Amino acid sequence: MGGRSVDRLAIILVLVLLFAAAWTGCGKKGDPLPPDMVLPVAAHDLRVLRQAEGVRISWVLPEKERNLHRVVIQRSEFETMLDRCPECPQEYRILADLQLGDPRLDRTGGREMAYMDMDVRSGRLYMYRILVCNSGGACSDASLPAEIKF
């Protein structure tokens, strides 16, 4: 009699564990994308230049993309070079999320664009990266970062 109760309890426990494991997810972060959705190609040639009014960030949009809608500029900030850990993941915040026709974006010719970050302080280290997004809302991987001490 006691053996059947233990067997039933073991079966129930195994089923509960399997059910819990099936509903915990795969561990990936971010919203799922439809399998047929193609992400835009990342922006390239990211450059930063110190100017009197701030940091000028420029990049080149991918050539093969025709359906780009907006650009997301991300920034990471450090008080000093010593605060930066090159091997550690960087914490980026959204500096600007702009549609391609936004007047704050400077289209310098062809597929090259620029943005002026005027919210910078002297002596700080800034790292930037760019994401480009299509009209469906899918965004590219981040561009390679560029950094500057202001």
N, C-alpha and C. Protein backbone atom coordinates (compact mmCIF):
# COMPACT_ATOMS: atom_id res chain seq x y z
N MET A 1 0.80 -1.19 0.00
CA MET A 1 0.00 0.00 0.00
C MET A 1 0.85 1.26 0.00
N GLY A 2 1.88 1.29 0.86
CA GLY A 2 2.77 2.43 0.94
C GLY A 2 3.58 2.60 -0.32
N GLY A 3 3.91 1.50 -1.04
CA GLY A 3 4.70 1.57 -2.26
C GLY A 3 3.97 2.28 -3.38
N ARG A 4 2.66 2.06 -3.49
CA ARG A 4 1.87 2.73 -4.54
C ARG A 4 1.78 4.23 -4.30
N SER A 5 1.64 4.64 -3.06
CA SER A 5 1.58 6.07 -2.74
C SER A 5 2.89 6.76 -3.09
N VAL A 6 4.00 6.10 -2.82
CA VAL A 6 5.31 6.67 -3.14
C VAL A 6 5.48 6.76 -4.65
N ASP A 7 5.04 5.71 -5.38
CA ASP A 7 5.13 5.73 -6.84
C ASP A 7 4.28 6.86 -7.43
N ARG A 8 3.07 7.02 -6.92
CA ARG A 8 2.19 8.08 -7.39
C ARG A 8 2.79 9.46 -7.10
N LEU A 9 3.31 9.59 -5.91
CA LEU A 9 3.93 10.86 -5.53
C LEU A 9 5.14 11.16 -6.41
N ALA A 10 5.94 10.15 -6.73
CA ALA A 10 7.11 10.34 -7.59
C ALA A 10 6.67 10.74 -9.00
N ILE A 11 5.62 10.11 -9.52
CA ILE A 11 5.12 10.44 -10.86
C ILE A 11 4.59 11.87 -10.89
N ILE A 12 3.83 12.24 -9.87
CA ILE A 12 3.30 13.60 -9.81
C ILE A 12 4.43 14.61 -9.72
N LEU A 13 5.43 14.32 -8.91
CA LEU A 13 6.57 15.22 -8.77
C LEU A 13 7.31 15.39 -10.10
N VAL A 14 7.53 14.29 -10.82
CA VAL A 14 8.21 14.35 -12.12
C VAL A 14 7.38 15.17 -13.10
N LEU A 15 6.07 14.97 -13.14
CA LEU A 15 5.21 15.73 -14.05
C LEU A 15 5.22 17.23 -13.71
N VAL A 16 5.18 17.55 -12.44
CA VAL A 16 5.22 18.96 -12.03
C VAL A 16 6.55 19.59 -12.45
N LEU A 17 7.65 18.89 -12.25
CA LEU A 17 8.97 19.42 -12.64
C LEU A 17 9.07 19.59 -14.15
N LEU A 18 8.56 18.63 -14.92
CA LEU A 18 8.58 18.76 -16.38
C LEU A 18 7.72 19.94 -16.84
N PHE A 19 6.56 20.08 -16.25
CA PHE A 19 5.68 21.19 -16.59
C PHE A 19 6.35 22.53 -16.27
N ALA A 20 6.96 22.64 -15.10
CA ALA A 20 7.64 23.88 -14.71
C ALA A 20 8.81 24.18 -15.64
N ALA A 21 9.56 23.17 -16.03
CA ALA A 21 10.70 23.37 -16.93
C ALA A 21 10.23 23.82 -18.31
N ALA A 22 9.09 23.31 -18.76
CA ALA A 22 8.59 23.67 -20.08
C ALA A 22 8.11 25.12 -20.13
N TRP A 23 7.72 25.69 -19.03
CA TRP A 23 7.16 27.05 -19.01
C TRP A 23 8.15 28.12 -18.54
N THR A 24 9.37 27.76 -18.29
CA THR A 24 10.33 28.77 -17.82
C THR A 24 10.94 29.57 -18.95
N GLY A 25 10.85 29.14 -20.17
CA GLY A 25 11.41 29.89 -21.30
C GLY A 25 12.78 29.39 -21.67
N CYS A 26 13.31 29.98 -22.73
CA CYS A 26 14.59 29.53 -23.26
C CYS A 26 15.76 30.33 -22.73
N GLY A 27 15.51 31.41 -22.00
CA GLY A 27 16.59 32.22 -21.47
C GLY A 27 17.00 33.36 -22.37
N LYS A 28 16.45 33.45 -23.58
CA LYS A 28 16.77 34.57 -24.47
C LYS A 28 16.03 35.80 -24.00
N LYS A 29 16.66 36.96 -24.22
CA LYS A 29 16.05 38.21 -23.81
C LYS A 29 15.52 38.95 -25.03
N GLY A 30 14.51 39.76 -24.80
CA GLY A 30 13.94 40.54 -25.88
C GLY A 30 12.68 39.90 -26.41
N ASP A 31 11.94 40.67 -27.15
CA ASP A 31 10.70 40.18 -27.73
C ASP A 31 10.99 39.18 -28.84
N PRO A 32 10.16 38.15 -28.94
CA PRO A 32 10.36 37.19 -30.03
C PRO A 32 10.01 37.84 -31.37
N LEU A 33 10.70 37.42 -32.41
CA LEU A 33 10.46 37.93 -33.75
C LEU A 33 9.88 36.83 -34.62
N PRO A 34 9.03 37.19 -35.56
CA PRO A 34 8.53 36.18 -36.50
C PRO A 34 9.71 35.55 -37.24
N PRO A 35 9.62 34.25 -37.55
CA PRO A 35 10.76 33.57 -38.18
C PRO A 35 11.13 34.13 -39.55
N ASP A 36 10.19 34.77 -40.24
CA ASP A 36 10.50 35.29 -41.57
C ASP A 36 10.96 36.76 -41.55
N MET A 37 11.05 37.36 -40.36
CA MET A 37 11.48 38.76 -40.27
C MET A 37 13.00 38.86 -40.40
N VAL A 38 13.42 39.74 -41.28
CA VAL A 38 14.85 39.97 -41.49
C VAL A 38 15.22 41.28 -40.81
N LEU A 39 16.23 41.23 -39.95
CA LEU A 39 16.68 42.43 -39.26
C LEU A 39 17.51 43.30 -40.19
N PRO A 40 17.44 44.61 -40.03
CA PRO A 40 18.28 45.49 -40.84
C PRO A 40 19.76 45.24 -40.55
N VAL A 41 20.60 45.58 -41.51
CA VAL A 41 22.04 45.50 -41.33
C VAL A 41 22.46 46.68 -40.46
N ALA A 42 23.46 46.49 -39.63
CA ALA A 42 23.91 47.54 -38.71
C ALA A 42 24.56 48.71 -39.45
N ALA A 43 24.48 49.88 -38.84
CA ALA A 43 25.20 51.06 -39.35
C ALA A 43 26.70 50.79 -39.21
N HIS A 44 27.50 51.51 -39.98
CA HIS A 44 28.95 51.28 -39.92
C HIS A 44 29.69 52.61 -39.98
N ASP A 45 31.00 52.53 -39.85
CA ASP A 45 31.88 53.71 -39.88
C ASP A 45 31.47 54.77 -38.85
N LEU A 46 31.15 54.33 -37.64
CA LEU A 46 30.78 55.25 -36.57
C LEU A 46 32.02 56.03 -36.14
N ARG A 47 31.86 57.37 -36.10
CA ARG A 47 32.96 58.25 -35.70
C ARG A 47 32.43 59.29 -34.72
N VAL A 48 33.30 59.71 -33.82
CA VAL A 48 32.95 60.77 -32.88
C VAL A 48 34.02 61.85 -32.96
N LEU A 49 33.59 63.10 -32.86
CA LEU A 49 34.50 64.23 -33.00
C LEU A 49 34.14 65.28 -31.95
N ARG A 50 35.14 65.70 -31.21
CA ARG A 50 34.94 66.75 -30.20
C ARG A 50 34.83 68.09 -30.90
N GLN A 51 33.77 68.82 -30.60
CA GLN A 51 33.58 70.16 -31.13
C GLN A 51 33.23 71.08 -29.96
N ALA A 52 33.27 72.38 -30.19
CA ALA A 52 33.03 73.34 -29.11
C ALA A 52 31.67 73.13 -28.44
N GLU A 53 30.64 72.82 -29.23
CA GLU A 53 29.29 72.69 -28.67
C GLU A 53 28.95 71.29 -28.16
N GLY A 54 29.82 70.31 -28.39
CA GLY A 54 29.55 68.96 -27.92
C GLY A 54 30.29 67.92 -28.73
N VAL A 55 29.72 66.73 -28.78
CA VAL A 55 30.32 65.61 -29.53
C VAL A 55 29.49 65.38 -30.78
N ARG A 56 30.15 65.44 -31.92
CA ARG A 56 29.49 65.14 -33.20
C ARG A 56 29.66 63.65 -33.46
N ILE A 57 28.54 62.96 -33.62
CA ILE A 57 28.51 61.52 -33.88
C ILE A 57 28.10 61.35 -35.33
N SER A 58 28.89 60.63 -36.11
CA SER A 58 28.52 60.39 -37.51
C SER A 58 28.64 58.91 -37.82
N TRP A 59 27.85 58.45 -38.78
CA TRP A 59 27.82 57.05 -39.17
C TRP A 59 27.29 56.95 -40.59
N VAL A 60 27.41 55.75 -41.14
CA VAL A 60 26.92 55.48 -42.49
C VAL A 60 25.82 54.43 -42.39
N LEU A 61 24.69 54.73 -43.01
CA LEU A 61 23.58 53.76 -43.06
C LEU A 61 23.94 52.62 -43.99
N PRO A 62 23.42 51.43 -43.72
CA PRO A 62 23.71 50.29 -44.60
C PRO A 62 23.17 50.53 -46.01
N GLU A 63 23.94 50.12 -47.00
CA GLU A 63 23.58 50.37 -48.40
C GLU A 63 22.38 49.58 -48.88
N LYS A 64 22.25 48.34 -48.45
CA LYS A 64 21.21 47.47 -49.00
C LYS A 64 19.84 47.70 -48.38
N GLU A 65 19.76 48.50 -47.33
CA GLU A 65 18.48 48.71 -46.66
C GLU A 65 17.68 49.81 -47.34
N ARG A 66 16.45 49.52 -47.68
CA ARG A 66 15.59 50.49 -48.33
C ARG A 66 14.43 50.93 -47.43
N ASN A 67 14.16 50.16 -46.38
CA ASN A 67 12.97 50.36 -45.57
C ASN A 67 13.30 50.91 -44.18
N LEU A 68 14.37 51.67 -44.05
CA LEU A 68 14.75 52.19 -42.74
C LEU A 68 13.83 53.32 -42.34
N HIS A 69 13.50 53.35 -41.06
CA HIS A 69 12.51 54.31 -40.56
C HIS A 69 13.08 55.23 -39.47
N ARG A 70 13.90 54.66 -38.59
CA ARG A 70 14.42 55.45 -37.49
C ARG A 70 15.80 54.98 -37.07
N VAL A 71 16.45 55.82 -36.26
CA VAL A 71 17.77 55.51 -35.75
C VAL A 71 17.76 55.72 -34.23
N VAL A 72 18.41 54.80 -33.52
CA VAL A 72 18.52 54.89 -32.07
C VAL A 72 19.99 55.11 -31.74
N ILE A 73 20.27 56.20 -31.05
CA ILE A 73 21.64 56.51 -30.64
C ILE A 73 21.76 56.20 -29.16
N GLN A 74 22.71 55.34 -28.82
CA GLN A 74 22.92 54.95 -27.43
C GLN A 74 24.25 55.50 -26.93
N ARG A 75 24.29 55.82 -25.63
CA ARG A 75 25.50 56.39 -25.05
C ARG A 75 25.79 55.74 -23.70
N SER A 76 27.07 55.52 -23.45
CA SER A 76 27.56 55.07 -22.16
C SER A 76 28.52 56.14 -21.67
N GLU A 77 28.48 56.46 -20.39
CA GLU A 77 29.26 57.57 -19.86
C GLU A 77 30.06 57.13 -18.64
N PHE A 78 31.29 57.61 -18.56
CA PHE A 78 32.18 57.31 -17.44
C PHE A 78 32.80 58.61 -16.95
N GLU A 79 32.99 58.71 -15.62
CA GLU A 79 33.62 59.91 -15.07
C GLU A 79 35.08 60.00 -15.47
N THR A 80 35.79 58.89 -15.43
CA THR A 80 37.21 58.88 -15.80
C THR A 80 37.52 57.61 -16.57
N MET A 81 38.69 57.57 -17.16
CA MET A 81 39.14 56.36 -17.86
C MET A 81 39.25 55.19 -16.88
N LEU A 82 39.57 55.47 -15.62
CA LEU A 82 39.73 54.41 -14.62
C LEU A 82 38.41 53.74 -14.29
N ASP A 83 37.30 54.44 -14.49
CA ASP A 83 35.98 53.86 -14.21
C ASP A 83 35.56 52.84 -15.26
N ARG A 84 36.20 52.89 -16.40
CA ARG A 84 35.81 52.02 -17.52
C ARG A 84 36.48 50.67 -17.39
N CYS A 85 35.71 49.62 -17.56
CA CYS A 85 36.22 48.25 -17.55
C CYS A 85 36.03 47.69 -18.96
N PRO A 86 37.09 47.65 -19.78
CA PRO A 86 36.94 47.21 -21.17
C PRO A 86 36.37 45.80 -21.33
N GLU A 87 36.64 44.92 -20.37
CA GLU A 87 36.16 43.54 -20.48
C GLU A 87 34.72 43.38 -20.00
N CYS A 88 34.21 44.37 -19.29
CA CYS A 88 32.87 44.28 -18.72
C CYS A 88 31.82 44.74 -19.74
N PRO A 89 30.60 44.20 -19.64
CA PRO A 89 29.52 44.70 -20.50
C PRO A 89 29.25 46.17 -20.16
N GLN A 90 29.07 46.97 -21.18
CA GLN A 90 28.83 48.40 -20.97
C GLN A 90 27.34 48.65 -20.81
N GLU A 91 27.01 49.62 -19.99
CA GLU A 91 25.62 49.99 -19.79
C GLU A 91 25.31 51.20 -20.68
N TYR A 92 24.58 50.96 -21.74
CA TYR A 92 24.20 52.03 -22.67
C TYR A 92 22.78 52.50 -22.36
N ARG A 93 22.58 53.79 -22.50
CA ARG A 93 21.25 54.38 -22.37
C ARG A 93 20.90 55.03 -23.70
N ILE A 94 19.61 55.12 -23.97
CA ILE A 94 19.17 55.76 -25.22
C ILE A 94 19.37 57.26 -25.10
N LEU A 95 20.18 57.79 -25.98
CA LEU A 95 20.41 59.23 -26.05
C LEU A 95 19.35 59.88 -26.93
N ALA A 96 19.03 59.24 -28.05
CA ALA A 96 18.02 59.77 -28.98
C ALA A 96 17.42 58.62 -29.77
N ASP A 97 16.12 58.70 -30.02
CA ASP A 97 15.39 57.74 -30.85
C ASP A 97 14.63 58.59 -31.87
N LEU A 98 15.19 58.70 -33.07
CA LEU A 98 14.71 59.68 -34.04
C LEU A 98 14.31 59.05 -35.37
N GLN A 99 13.23 59.56 -35.97
CA GLN A 99 12.87 59.15 -37.32
C GLN A 99 13.89 59.75 -38.28
N LEU A 100 14.10 59.10 -39.40
CA LEU A 100 15.15 59.54 -40.32
C LEU A 100 14.95 60.97 -40.84
N GLY A 101 13.75 61.47 -40.87
CA GLY A 101 13.51 62.83 -41.34
C GLY A 101 13.62 63.90 -40.25
N ASP A 102 13.96 63.51 -39.04
CA ASP A 102 14.04 64.45 -37.93
C ASP A 102 15.11 65.51 -38.20
N PRO A 103 14.79 66.80 -37.97
CA PRO A 103 15.77 67.86 -38.25
C PRO A 103 17.01 67.82 -37.36
N ARG A 104 16.98 67.09 -36.25
CA ARG A 104 18.17 66.98 -35.41
C ARG A 104 19.22 66.06 -36.02
N LEU A 105 18.82 65.28 -37.01
CA LEU A 105 19.77 64.44 -37.74
C LEU A 105 20.29 65.22 -38.93
N ASP A 106 21.58 65.22 -39.09
CA ASP A 106 22.21 65.93 -40.21
C ASP A 106 22.57 64.89 -41.27
N ARG A 107 21.92 64.98 -42.40
CA ARG A 107 22.24 64.07 -43.51
C ARG A 107 23.34 64.73 -44.32
N THR A 108 24.56 64.27 -44.12
CA THR A 108 25.72 64.97 -44.68
C THR A 108 25.98 64.62 -46.13
N GLY A 109 25.23 63.72 -46.67
CA GLY A 109 25.41 63.34 -48.07
C GLY A 109 25.37 61.84 -48.23
N GLY A 110 24.69 61.40 -49.26
CA GLY A 110 24.58 59.96 -49.48
C GLY A 110 23.91 59.28 -48.30
N ARG A 111 24.57 58.27 -47.76
CA ARG A 111 24.01 57.52 -46.65
C ARG A 111 24.64 57.90 -45.31
N GLU A 112 25.45 58.95 -45.32
CA GLU A 112 26.10 59.38 -44.07
C GLU A 112 25.17 60.31 -43.29
N MET A 113 25.12 60.08 -41.97
CA MET A 113 24.29 60.90 -41.09
C MET A 113 25.12 61.34 -39.90
N ALA A 114 24.62 62.36 -39.20
CA ALA A 114 25.32 62.85 -38.02
C ALA A 114 24.31 63.39 -37.01
N TYR A 115 24.75 63.43 -35.77
CA TYR A 115 23.94 63.95 -34.67
C TYR A 115 24.88 64.64 -33.70
N MET A 116 24.44 65.75 -33.11
CA MET A 116 25.26 66.48 -32.16
C MET A 116 24.76 66.22 -30.74
N ASP A 117 25.62 65.63 -29.91
CA ASP A 117 25.32 65.42 -28.50
C ASP A 117 25.85 66.64 -27.75
N MET A 118 24.93 67.50 -27.32
CA MET A 118 25.34 68.72 -26.62
C MET A 118 25.27 68.57 -25.11
N ASP A 119 24.82 67.42 -24.64
CA ASP A 119 24.71 67.18 -23.20
C ASP A 119 25.94 66.41 -22.71
N VAL A 120 27.11 67.03 -22.83
CA VAL A 120 28.37 66.40 -22.42
C VAL A 120 29.09 67.32 -21.44
N ARG A 121 29.94 66.70 -20.61
CA ARG A 121 30.71 67.46 -19.63
C ARG A 121 32.19 67.21 -19.81
N SER A 122 32.96 68.23 -19.59
CA SER A 122 34.40 68.16 -19.76
C SER A 122 35.01 67.12 -18.81
N GLY A 123 35.98 66.37 -19.34
CA GLY A 123 36.70 65.38 -18.54
C GLY A 123 36.06 64.01 -18.52
N ARG A 124 34.89 63.86 -19.08
CA ARG A 124 34.20 62.56 -19.07
C ARG A 124 34.50 61.77 -20.34
N LEU A 125 34.39 60.45 -20.21
CA LEU A 125 34.56 59.55 -21.34
C LEU A 125 33.17 59.11 -21.81
N TYR A 126 32.94 59.21 -23.11
CA TYR A 126 31.65 58.83 -23.70
C TYR A 126 31.87 57.75 -24.75
N MET A 127 30.98 56.76 -24.73
CA MET A 127 30.97 55.71 -25.75
C MET A 127 29.60 55.75 -26.42
N TYR A 128 29.60 55.60 -27.73
CA TYR A 128 28.36 55.66 -28.51
C TYR A 128 28.23 54.43 -29.39
N ARG A 129 26.98 54.09 -29.70
CA ARG A 129 26.69 53.08 -30.72
C ARG A 129 25.34 53.40 -31.32
N ILE A 130 25.11 52.85 -32.52
CA ILE A 130 23.92 53.18 -33.31
C ILE A 130 23.15 51.90 -33.65
N LEU A 131 21.82 51.99 -33.60
CA LEU A 131 20.95 50.94 -34.11
C LEU A 131 20.06 51.58 -35.16
N VAL A 132 19.80 50.88 -36.24
CA VAL A 132 18.86 51.36 -37.26
C VAL A 132 17.66 50.42 -37.27
N CYS A 133 16.48 51.00 -37.45
CA CYS A 133 15.24 50.22 -37.36
C CYS A 133 14.40 50.44 -38.61
N ASN A 134 13.71 49.38 -39.03
CA ASN A 134 12.86 49.49 -40.21
C ASN A 134 11.45 49.90 -39.81
N SER A 135 10.58 50.09 -40.79
CA SER A 135 9.22 50.55 -40.51
C SER A 135 8.40 49.51 -39.77
N GLY A 136 8.83 48.26 -39.79
CA GLY A 136 8.15 47.22 -39.03
C GLY A 136 8.55 47.18 -37.57
N GLY A 137 9.52 48.01 -37.18
CA GLY A 137 9.96 48.07 -35.79
C GLY A 137 11.15 47.19 -35.46
N ALA A 138 11.62 46.40 -36.42
CA ALA A 138 12.79 45.55 -36.17
C ALA A 138 14.06 46.39 -36.26
N CYS A 139 14.93 46.22 -35.28
CA CYS A 139 16.17 47.00 -35.24
C CYS A 139 17.38 46.10 -35.48
N SER A 140 18.41 46.71 -36.03
CA SER A 140 19.66 46.00 -36.30
C SER A 140 20.39 45.71 -35.00
N ASP A 141 21.45 44.93 -35.11
CA ASP A 141 22.39 44.83 -34.00
C ASP A 141 23.04 46.20 -33.85
N ALA A 142 23.63 46.44 -32.71
CA ALA A 142 24.31 47.72 -32.49
C ALA A 142 25.56 47.80 -33.36
N SER A 143 25.87 49.01 -33.79
CA SER A 143 27.11 49.23 -34.53
C SER A 143 28.29 48.98 -33.59
N LEU A 144 29.47 48.92 -34.16
CA LEU A 144 30.65 48.88 -33.32
C LEU A 144 30.72 50.21 -32.56
N PRO A 145 31.13 50.20 -31.31
CA PRO A 145 31.14 51.45 -30.54
C PRO A 145 32.30 52.37 -30.92
N ALA A 146 32.11 53.64 -30.62
CA ALA A 146 33.17 54.64 -30.77
C ALA A 146 33.21 55.42 -29.46
N GLU A 147 34.41 55.80 -29.02
CA GLU A 147 34.52 56.51 -27.75
C GLU A 147 35.35 57.78 -27.89
N ILE A 148 35.10 58.69 -26.95
CA ILE A 148 35.81 59.97 -26.96
C ILE A 148 35.85 60.51 -25.53
N LYS A 149 36.95 61.16 -25.19
CA LYS A 149 37.02 61.90 -23.92
C LYS A 149 36.76 63.35 -24.25
N PHE A 150 35.78 63.94 -23.56
CA PHE A 150 35.42 65.32 -23.87
C PHE A 150 36.15 66.28 -22.95
